Amino acid sequence: MEANIRALKNKITTDHVFDMVAEINKEVSIPLVFMTYANVVYSYGIDRFFERCKETGICGIILPDVPFEEKAEFEDAASEYSVEFVSMVAPTSEDRIDMISSDAKGFIYIVSSLGVTGTRKELNGNIKSLVERVRKTLMYLALLDLVFLHLSRLLRWQTFPMEQL
Protein backbone atom coordinates (compact mmCIF):
# COMPACT_ATOMS: atom_id res chain seq x y z
CA MET A 1 0.00 0.00 0.00
CA GLU A 2 2.85 2.39 0.79
CA ALA A 3 4.29 1.89 -2.69
CA ASN A 4 0.94 2.84 -4.26
CA ILE A 5 0.75 6.02 -2.20
CA ARG A 6 4.34 6.99 -3.12
CA ALA A 7 3.66 6.34 -6.81
CA LEU A 8 0.47 8.42 -6.80
CA LYS A 9 2.15 11.22 -4.86
CA ASN A 10 4.97 11.33 -7.43
CA LYS A 11 2.51 11.17 -10.35
CA ILE A 12 3.96 7.90 -11.69
CA THR A 13 1.97 6.61 -14.66
CA THR A 14 1.88 3.31 -16.48
CA ASP A 15 3.86 4.96 -19.29
CA HIS A 16 6.56 5.93 -16.76
CA VAL A 17 6.80 2.30 -15.68
CA PHE A 18 7.07 1.10 -19.30
CA ASP A 19 9.78 3.68 -19.99
CA MET A 20 11.70 2.54 -16.89
CA VAL A 21 11.45 -1.09 -18.00
CA ALA A 22 12.75 -0.17 -21.46
CA GLU A 23 15.80 1.43 -19.82
CA ILE A 24 16.35 -1.55 -17.52
CA ASN A 25 16.18 -3.94 -20.47
CA LYS A 26 19.13 -2.13 -22.04
CA GLU A 27 21.24 -3.31 -19.10
CA VAL A 28 19.85 -6.72 -18.14
CA SER A 29 19.20 -9.89 -20.07
CA ILE A 30 16.87 -11.73 -17.71
CA PRO A 31 13.20 -12.14 -18.63
CA LEU A 32 10.96 -9.59 -16.90
CA VAL A 33 7.39 -10.20 -15.79
CA PHE A 34 4.86 -7.61 -14.64
CA MET A 35 2.65 -8.27 -11.65
CA THR A 36 -0.20 -5.79 -11.59
CA TYR A 37 -3.96 -5.63 -11.36
CA ALA A 38 -6.59 -5.99 -14.06
CA ASN A 39 -7.79 -2.40 -13.64
CA VAL A 40 -4.33 -1.12 -14.68
CA VAL A 41 -4.52 -3.15 -17.89
CA TYR A 42 -8.17 -2.20 -18.53
CA SER A 43 -7.67 1.51 -17.96
CA TYR A 44 -4.58 1.58 -20.19
CA GLY A 45 -6.34 -0.45 -22.88
CA ILE A 46 -5.77 -4.20 -23.08
CA ASP A 47 -4.23 -4.31 -26.57
CA ARG A 48 -2.25 -1.13 -26.01
CA PHE A 49 -0.92 -2.49 -22.71
CA PHE A 50 0.32 -5.75 -24.22
CA GLU A 51 1.74 -3.98 -27.25
CA ARG A 52 3.82 -1.83 -24.87
CA CYS A 53 4.85 -4.98 -22.97
CA LYS A 54 6.20 -6.45 -26.19
CA GLU A 55 7.93 -3.18 -27.17
CA THR A 56 9.66 -2.87 -23.80
CA GLY A 57 10.64 -6.51 -23.42
CA ILE A 58 8.14 -7.71 -20.81
CA CYS A 59 7.74 -11.43 -21.46
CA GLY A 60 4.97 -12.27 -19.00
CA ILE A 61 2.20 -10.91 -16.81
CA ILE A 62 0.69 -11.96 -13.51
CA LEU A 63 -2.76 -10.56 -12.72
CA PRO A 64 -3.54 -11.82 -9.22
CA ASP A 65 -7.10 -10.46 -9.23
CA VAL A 66 -8.12 -12.36 -12.38
CA PRO A 67 -9.48 -15.85 -11.61
CA PHE A 68 -8.37 -18.70 -13.85
CA GLU A 69 -11.89 -19.03 -15.25
CA GLU A 70 -11.91 -15.38 -16.36
CA LYS A 71 -8.43 -15.06 -17.83
CA ALA A 72 -9.29 -15.58 -21.52
CA GLU A 73 -9.77 -11.90 -22.35
CA PHE A 74 -6.32 -11.05 -21.00
CA GLU A 75 -4.56 -14.24 -22.08
CA ASP A 76 -5.73 -13.96 -25.70
CA ALA A 77 -4.55 -10.36 -25.98
CA ALA A 78 -1.26 -11.14 -24.22
CA SER A 79 -0.64 -14.06 -26.56
CA GLU A 80 -1.17 -11.82 -29.59
CA TYR A 81 1.84 -9.80 -28.43
CA SER A 82 3.98 -12.79 -27.35
CA VAL A 83 3.47 -12.09 -23.65
CA GLU A 84 2.85 -15.13 -21.44
CA PHE A 85 -0.13 -14.98 -19.09
CA VAL A 86 1.21 -16.58 -15.92
CA SER A 87 -1.23 -18.78 -14.05
CA MET A 88 -1.36 -18.75 -10.27
CA VAL A 89 -1.92 -21.57 -7.82
CA ALA A 90 -2.70 -20.73 -4.19
CA PRO A 91 -3.13 -22.84 -1.06
CA THR A 92 -6.89 -22.39 -1.57
CA SER A 93 -6.81 -23.74 -5.16
CA GLU A 94 -7.23 -27.36 -4.00
CA ASP A 95 -9.76 -28.76 -6.51
CA ARG A 96 -8.45 -26.56 -9.32
CA ILE A 97 -4.70 -27.21 -9.08
CA ASP A 98 -4.59 -29.91 -11.77
CA MET A 99 -6.75 -27.85 -14.15
CA ILE A 100 -4.68 -24.68 -13.65
CA SER A 101 -1.35 -26.53 -13.89
CA SER A 102 -2.29 -28.44 -17.02
CA ASP A 103 -3.32 -25.25 -18.81
CA ALA A 104 -0.32 -23.16 -17.75
CA LYS A 105 2.18 -21.76 -20.22
CA GLY A 106 5.59 -20.36 -19.39
CA PHE A 107 5.62 -20.97 -15.67
CA ILE A 108 3.26 -21.16 -12.72
CA TYR A 109 3.28 -18.65 -9.88
CA ILE A 110 2.72 -20.52 -6.64
CA VAL A 111 1.37 -18.36 -3.83
CA SER A 112 3.18 -19.46 -0.70
CA SER A 113 0.87 -17.82 1.81
CA LEU A 114 -2.41 -15.98 1.96
CA GLY A 115 -2.80 -12.33 2.82
CA VAL A 116 -0.98 -9.15 1.95
CA THR A 117 2.40 -9.42 0.26
CA GLY A 118 5.30 -8.57 2.55
CA THR A 119 7.71 -10.04 5.03
CA ARG A 120 6.71 -13.19 6.87
CA LYS A 121 8.09 -14.99 9.88
CA GLU A 122 7.14 -18.33 8.31
CA LEU A 123 5.70 -19.76 5.11
CA ASN A 124 2.51 -21.73 4.75
CA GLY A 125 3.15 -25.27 5.98
CA ASN A 126 1.45 -26.74 2.89
CA ILE A 127 3.78 -25.12 0.36
CA LYS A 128 5.82 -28.32 -0.11
CA SER A 129 2.75 -30.43 -0.91
CA LEU A 130 1.42 -27.66 -3.18
CA VAL A 131 4.67 -27.56 -5.19
CA GLU A 132 4.76 -31.36 -5.37
CA ARG A 133 1.20 -31.50 -6.72
CA VAL A 134 1.93 -28.90 -9.41
CA ARG A 135 5.15 -30.71 -10.38
CA LYS A 136 3.29 -34.03 -10.57
CA THR A 137 0.73 -32.53 -12.97
CA LEU A 138 3.44 -30.91 -15.09
CA MET A 139 5.56 -34.09 -15.21
CA TYR A 140 2.49 -36.09 -16.27
CA LEU A 141 1.81 -33.58 -19.06
CA ALA A 142 5.45 -33.60 -20.17
CA LEU A 143 5.32 -37.39 -20.31
CA LEU A 144 2.14 -37.27 -22.40
CA ASP A 145 3.80 -34.78 -24.76
CA LEU A 146 6.76 -37.13 -25.19
CA VAL A 147 4.48 -40.10 -25.85
CA PHE A 148 2.48 -38.17 -28.46
CA LEU A 149 5.66 -36.83 -30.06
CA HIS A 150 7.07 -40.37 -30.27
CA LEU A 151 3.82 -41.74 -31.70
CA SER A 152 3.59 -38.97 -34.27
CA ARG A 153 7.16 -39.67 -35.40
CA LEU A 154 6.40 -43.38 -35.67
CA LEU A 155 3.18 -42.76 -37.58
CA ARG A 156 4.87 -40.34 -39.95
CA TRP A 157 7.06 -43.18 -41.22
CA GLN A 158 4.30 -45.75 -41.39
CA THR A 159 1.55 -46.08 -43.92
CA PHE A 160 -1.67 -47.69 -42.84
CA PRO A 161 -4.70 -48.72 -44.84
CA MET A 162 -7.54 -46.34 -43.93
CA GLU A 163 -9.57 -49.11 -42.29
CA GLN A 164 -6.80 -49.59 -39.69
CA LEU A 165 -6.77 -45.92 -38.61
C-alpha atoms as a PDB file:
ATOM      1  CA  MET A   1       0.000   0.000   0.000  1.00  0.00           C
ATOM      2  CA  GLU A   2       2.845   2.395   0.793  1.00  0.00           C
ATOM      3  CA  ALA A   3       4.289   1.885  -2.687  1.00  0.00           C
ATOM      4  CA  ASN A   4       0.944   2.841  -4.263  1.00  0.00           C
ATOM      5  CA  ILE A   5       0.750   6.020  -2.202  1.00  0.00           C
ATOM      6  CA  ARG A   6       4.335   6.990  -3.119  1.00  0.00           C
ATOM      7  CA  ALA A   7       3.659   6.339  -6.811  1.00  0.00           C
ATOM      8  CA  LEU A   8       0.474   8.416  -6.800  1.00  0.00           C
ATOM      9  CA  LYS A   9       2.147  11.219  -4.859  1.00  0.00           C
ATOM     10  CA  ASN A  10       4.971  11.326  -7.427  1.00  0.00           C
ATOM     11  CA  LYS A  11       2.508  11.174 -10.353  1.00  0.00           C
ATOM     12  CA  ILE A  12       3.956   7.903 -11.688  1.00  0.00           C
ATOM     13  CA  THR A  13       1.970   6.608 -14.659  1.00  0.00           C
ATOM     14  CA  THR A  14       1.878   3.310 -16.478  1.00  0.00           C
ATOM     15  CA  ASP A  15       3.861   4.960 -19.286  1.00  0.00           C
ATOM     16  CA  HIS A  16       6.564   5.934 -16.763  1.00  0.00           C
ATOM     17  CA  VAL A  17       6.803   2.304 -15.685  1.00  0.00           C
ATOM     18  CA  PHE A  18       7.065   1.104 -19.296  1.00  0.00           C
ATOM     19  CA  ASP A  19       9.784   3.681 -19.985  1.00  0.00           C
ATOM     20  CA  MET A  20      11.697   2.539 -16.892  1.00  0.00           C
ATOM     21  CA  VAL A  21      11.453  -1.093 -17.996  1.00  0.00           C
ATOM     22  CA  ALA A  22      12.752  -0.166 -21.463  1.00  0.00           C
ATOM     23  CA  GLU A  23      15.797   1.432 -19.820  1.00  0.00           C
ATOM     24  CA  ILE A  24      16.346  -1.547 -17.518  1.00  0.00           C
ATOM     25  CA  ASN A  25      16.178  -3.940 -20.470  1.00  0.00           C
ATOM     26  CA  LYS A  26      19.132  -2.133 -22.045  1.00  0.00           C
ATOM     27  CA  GLU A  27      21.242  -3.308 -19.098  1.00  0.00           C
ATOM     28  CA  VAL A  28      19.846  -6.721 -18.140  1.00  0.00           C
ATOM     29  CA  SER A  29      19.196  -9.887 -20.073  1.00  0.00           C
ATOM     30  CA  ILE A  30      16.869 -11.730 -17.705  1.00  0.00           C
ATOM     31  CA  PRO A  31      13.197 -12.136 -18.629  1.00  0.00           C
ATOM     32  CA  LEU A  32      10.961  -9.594 -16.905  1.00  0.00           C
ATOM     33  CA  VAL A  33       7.387 -10.204 -15.793  1.00  0.00           C
ATOM     34  CA  PHE A  34       4.860  -7.610 -14.639  1.00  0.00           C
ATOM     35  CA  MET A  35       2.649  -8.273 -11.646  1.00  0.00           C
ATOM     36  CA  THR A  36      -0.197  -5.788 -11.591  1.00  0.00           C
ATOM     37  CA  TYR A  37      -3.959  -5.631 -11.363  1.00  0.00           C
ATOM     38  CA  ALA A  38      -6.592  -5.994 -14.060  1.00  0.00           C
ATOM     39  CA  ASN A  39      -7.790  -2.403 -13.641  1.00  0.00           C
ATOM     40  CA  VAL A  40      -4.334  -1.115 -14.681  1.00  0.00           C
ATOM     41  CA  VAL A  41      -4.522  -3.152 -17.890  1.00  0.00           C
ATOM     42  CA  TYR A  42      -8.174  -2.198 -18.534  1.00  0.00           C
ATOM     43  CA  SER A  43      -7.672   1.513 -17.964  1.00  0.00           C
ATOM     44  CA  TYR A  44      -4.576   1.581 -20.186  1.00  0.00           C
ATOM     45  CA  GLY A  45      -6.345  -0.447 -22.880  1.00  0.00           C
ATOM     46  CA  ILE A  46      -5.765  -4.196 -23.084  1.00  0.00           C
ATOM     47  CA  ASP A  47      -4.235  -4.309 -26.569  1.00  0.00           C
ATOM     48  CA  ARG A  48      -2.249  -1.130 -26.014  1.00  0.00           C
ATOM     49  CA  PHE A  49      -0.919  -2.492 -22.706  1.00  0.00           C
ATOM     50  CA  PHE A  50       0.317  -5.753 -24.216  1.00  0.00           C
ATOM     51  CA  GLU A  51       1.736  -3.980 -27.252  1.00  0.00           C
ATOM     52  CA  ARG A  52       3.825  -1.831 -24.868  1.00  0.00           C
ATOM     53  CA  CYS A  53       4.846  -4.978 -22.974  1.00  0.00           C
ATOM     54  CA  LYS A  54       6.203  -6.452 -26.187  1.00  0.00           C
ATOM     55  CA  GLU A  55       7.935  -3.182 -27.171  1.00  0.00           C
ATOM     56  CA  THR A  56       9.656  -2.868 -23.804  1.00  0.00           C
ATOM     57  CA  GLY A  57      10.639  -6.513 -23.416  1.00  0.00           C
ATOM     58  CA  ILE A  58       8.139  -7.710 -20.814  1.00  0.00           C
ATOM     59  CA  CYS A  59       7.745 -11.432 -21.462  1.00  0.00           C
ATOM     60  CA  GLY A  60       4.972 -12.269 -18.998  1.00  0.00           C
ATOM     61  CA  ILE A  61       2.203 -10.905 -16.810  1.00  0.00           C
ATOM     62  CA  ILE A  62       0.687 -11.958 -13.506  1.00  0.00           C
ATOM     63  CA  LEU A  63      -2.757 -10.565 -12.722  1.00  0.00           C
ATOM     64  CA  PRO A  64      -3.540 -11.820  -9.215  1.00  0.00           C
ATOM     65  CA  ASP A  65      -7.098 -10.460  -9.230  1.00  0.00           C
ATOM     66  CA  VAL A  66      -8.117 -12.362 -12.379  1.00  0.00           C
ATOM     67  CA  PRO A  67      -9.478 -15.849 -11.612  1.00  0.00           C
ATOM     68  CA  PHE A  68      -8.370 -18.704 -13.851  1.00  0.00           C
ATOM     69  CA  GLU A  69     -11.888 -19.034 -15.253  1.00  0.00           C
ATOM     70  CA  GLU A  70     -11.906 -15.381 -16.359  1.00  0.00           C
ATOM     71  CA  LYS A  71      -8.430 -15.063 -17.827  1.00  0.00           C
ATOM     72  CA  ALA A  72      -9.291 -15.584 -21.520  1.00  0.00           C
ATOM     73  CA  GLU A  73      -9.767 -11.904 -22.346  1.00  0.00           C
ATOM     74  CA  PHE A  74      -6.319 -11.053 -21.002  1.00  0.00           C
ATOM     75  CA  GLU A  75      -4.562 -14.239 -22.082  1.00  0.00           C
ATOM     76  CA  ASP A  76      -5.733 -13.959 -25.696  1.00  0.00           C
ATOM     77  CA  ALA A  77      -4.545 -10.357 -25.981  1.00  0.00           C
ATOM     78  CA  ALA A  78      -1.257 -11.141 -24.223  1.00  0.00           C
ATOM     79  CA  SER A  79      -0.643 -14.064 -26.561  1.00  0.00           C
ATOM     80  CA  GLU A  80      -1.168 -11.821 -29.593  1.00  0.00           C
ATOM     81  CA  TYR A  81       1.845  -9.803 -28.429  1.00  0.00           C
ATOM     82  CA  SER A  82       3.977 -12.793 -27.354  1.00  0.00           C
ATOM     83  CA  VAL A  83       3.468 -12.088 -23.646  1.00  0.00           C
ATOM     84  CA  GLU A  84       2.854 -15.127 -21.443  1.00  0.00           C
ATOM     85  CA  PHE A  85      -0.128 -14.984 -19.093  1.00  0.00           C
ATOM     86  CA  VAL A  86       1.213 -16.577 -15.925  1.00  0.00           C
ATOM     87  CA  SER A  87      -1.228 -18.781 -14.050  1.00  0.00           C
ATOM     88  CA  MET A  88      -1.357 -18.749 -10.272  1.00  0.00           C
ATOM     89  CA  VAL A  89      -1.920 -21.573  -7.817  1.00  0.00           C
ATOM     90  CA  ALA A  90      -2.699 -20.732  -4.192  1.00  0.00           C
ATOM     91  CA  PRO A  91      -3.127 -22.839  -1.063  1.00  0.00           C
ATOM     92  CA  THR A  92      -6.889 -22.386  -1.569  1.00  0.00           C
ATOM     93  CA  SER A  93      -6.808 -23.742  -5.165  1.00  0.00           C
ATOM     94  CA  GLU A  94      -7.226 -27.361  -4.004  1.00  0.00           C
ATOM     95  CA  ASP A  95      -9.758 -28.758  -6.512  1.00  0.00           C
ATOM     96  CA  ARG A  96      -8.454 -26.557  -9.321  1.00  0.00           C
ATOM     97  CA  ILE A  97      -4.696 -27.215  -9.078  1.00  0.00           C
ATOM     98  CA  ASP A  98      -4.585 -29.908 -11.773  1.00  0.00           C
ATOM     99  CA  MET A  99      -6.752 -27.848 -14.147  1.00  0.00           C
ATOM    100  CA  ILE A 100      -4.681 -24.683 -13.654  1.00  0.00           C
ATOM    101  CA  SER A 101      -1.352 -26.527 -13.893  1.00  0.00           C
ATOM    102  CA  SER A 102      -2.287 -28.441 -17.015  1.00  0.00           C
ATOM    103  CA  ASP A 103      -3.319 -25.245 -18.807  1.00  0.00           C
ATOM    104  CA  ALA A 104      -0.323 -23.162 -17.748  1.00  0.00           C
ATOM    105  CA  LYS A 105       2.177 -21.758 -20.220  1.00  0.00           C
ATOM    106  CA  GLY A 106       5.586 -20.357 -19.392  1.00  0.00           C
ATOM    107  CA  PHE A 107       5.623 -20.969 -15.669  1.00  0.00           C
ATOM    108  CA  ILE A 108       3.260 -21.156 -12.717  1.00  0.00           C
ATOM    109  CA  TYR A 109       3.278 -18.649  -9.885  1.00  0.00           C
ATOM    110  CA  ILE A 110       2.723 -20.525  -6.641  1.00  0.00           C
ATOM    111  CA  VAL A 111       1.370 -18.363  -3.833  1.00  0.00           C
ATOM    112  CA  SER A 112       3.184 -19.460  -0.696  1.00  0.00           C
ATOM    113  CA  SER A 113       0.875 -17.816   1.813  1.00  0.00           C
ATOM    114  CA  LEU A 114      -2.407 -15.982   1.961  1.00  0.00           C
ATOM    115  CA  GLY A 115      -2.802 -12.328   2.820  1.00  0.00           C
ATOM    116  CA  VAL A 116      -0.975  -9.146   1.952  1.00  0.00           C
ATOM    117  CA  THR A 117       2.404  -9.417   0.262  1.00  0.00           C
ATOM    118  CA  GLY A 118       5.295  -8.573   2.552  1.00  0.00           C
ATOM    119  CA  THR A 119       7.713 -10.042   5.028  1.00  0.00           C
ATOM    120  CA  ARG A 120       6.711 -13.189   6.871  1.00  0.00           C
ATOM    121  CA  LYS A 121       8.093 -14.989   9.877  1.00  0.00           C
ATOM    122  CA  GLU A 122       7.140 -18.329   8.312  1.00  0.00           C
ATOM    123  CA  LEU A 123       5.702 -19.756   5.115  1.00  0.00           C
ATOM    124  CA  ASN A 124       2.513 -21.730   4.753  1.00  0.00           C
ATOM    125  CA  GLY A 125       3.148 -25.274   5.982  1.00  0.00           C
ATOM    126  CA  ASN A 126       1.447 -26.736   2.891  1.00  0.00           C
ATOM    127  CA  ILE A 127       3.782 -25.125   0.363  1.00  0.00           C
ATOM    128  CA  LYS A 128       5.822 -28.318  -0.113  1.00  0.00           C
ATOM    129  CA  SER A 129       2.752 -30.425  -0.913  1.00  0.00           C
ATOM    130  CA  LEU A 130       1.424 -27.663  -3.183  1.00  0.00           C
ATOM    131  CA  VAL A 131       4.667 -27.564  -5.187  1.00  0.00           C
ATOM    132  CA  GLU A 132       4.760 -31.364  -5.375  1.00  0.00           C
ATOM    133  CA  ARG A 133       1.202 -31.496  -6.719  1.00  0.00           C
ATOM    134  CA  VAL A 134       1.929 -28.896  -9.406  1.00  0.00           C
ATOM    135  CA  ARG A 135       5.147 -30.713 -10.380  1.00  0.00           C
ATOM    136  CA  LYS A 136       3.290 -34.028 -10.573  1.00  0.00           C
ATOM    137  CA  THR A 137       0.729 -32.534 -12.965  1.00  0.00           C
ATOM    138  CA  LEU A 138       3.436 -30.909 -15.086  1.00  0.00           C
ATOM    139  CA  MET A 139       5.558 -34.086 -15.208  1.00  0.00           C
ATOM    140  CA  TYR A 140       2.494 -36.089 -16.272  1.00  0.00           C
ATOM    141  CA  LEU A 141       1.809 -33.577 -19.058  1.00  0.00           C
ATOM    142  CA  ALA A 142       5.448 -33.600 -20.166  1.00  0.00           C
ATOM    143  CA  LEU A 143       5.324 -37.390 -20.309  1.00  0.00           C
ATOM    144  CA  LEU A 144       2.138 -37.267 -22.401  1.00  0.00           C
ATOM    145  CA  ASP A 145       3.801 -34.779 -24.763  1.00  0.00           C
ATOM    146  CA  LEU A 146       6.761 -37.135 -25.190  1.00  0.00           C
ATOM    147  CA  VAL A 147       4.475 -40.103 -25.850  1.00  0.00           C
ATOM    148  CA  PHE A 148       2.476 -38.169 -28.459  1.00  0.00           C
ATOM    149  CA  LEU A 149       5.663 -36.834 -30.059  1.00  0.00           C
ATOM    150  CA  HIS A 150       7.075 -40.369 -30.267  1.00  0.00           C
ATOM    151  CA  LEU A 151       3.823 -41.742 -31.695  1.00  0.00           C
ATOM    152  CA  SER A 152       3.587 -38.974 -34.271  1.00  0.00           C
ATOM    153  CA  ARG A 153       7.155 -39.669 -35.402  1.00  0.00           C
ATOM    154  CA  LEU A 154       6.396 -43.382 -35.675  1.00  0.00           C
ATOM    155  CA  LEU A 155       3.180 -42.764 -37.580  1.00  0.00           C
ATOM    156  CA  ARG A 156       4.865 -40.343 -39.951  1.00  0.00           C
ATOM    157  CA  TRP A 157       7.063 -43.178 -41.222  1.00  0.00           C
ATOM    158  CA  GLN A 158       4.296 -45.749 -41.394  1.00  0.00           C
ATOM    159  CA  THR A 159       1.547 -46.077 -43.923  1.00  0.00           C
ATOM    160  CA  PHE A 160      -1.674 -47.690 -42.841  1.00  0.00           C
ATOM    161  CA  PRO A 161      -4.696 -48.719 -44.838  1.00  0.00           C
ATOM    162  CA  MET A 162      -7.542 -46.345 -43.933  1.00  0.00           C
ATOM    163  CA  GLU A 163      -9.573 -49.112 -42.292  1.00  0.00           C
ATOM    164  CA  GLN A 164      -6.796 -49.593 -39.693  1.00  0.00           C
ATOM    165  CA  LEU A 165      -6.769 -45.921 -38.609  1.00  0.00           C
END
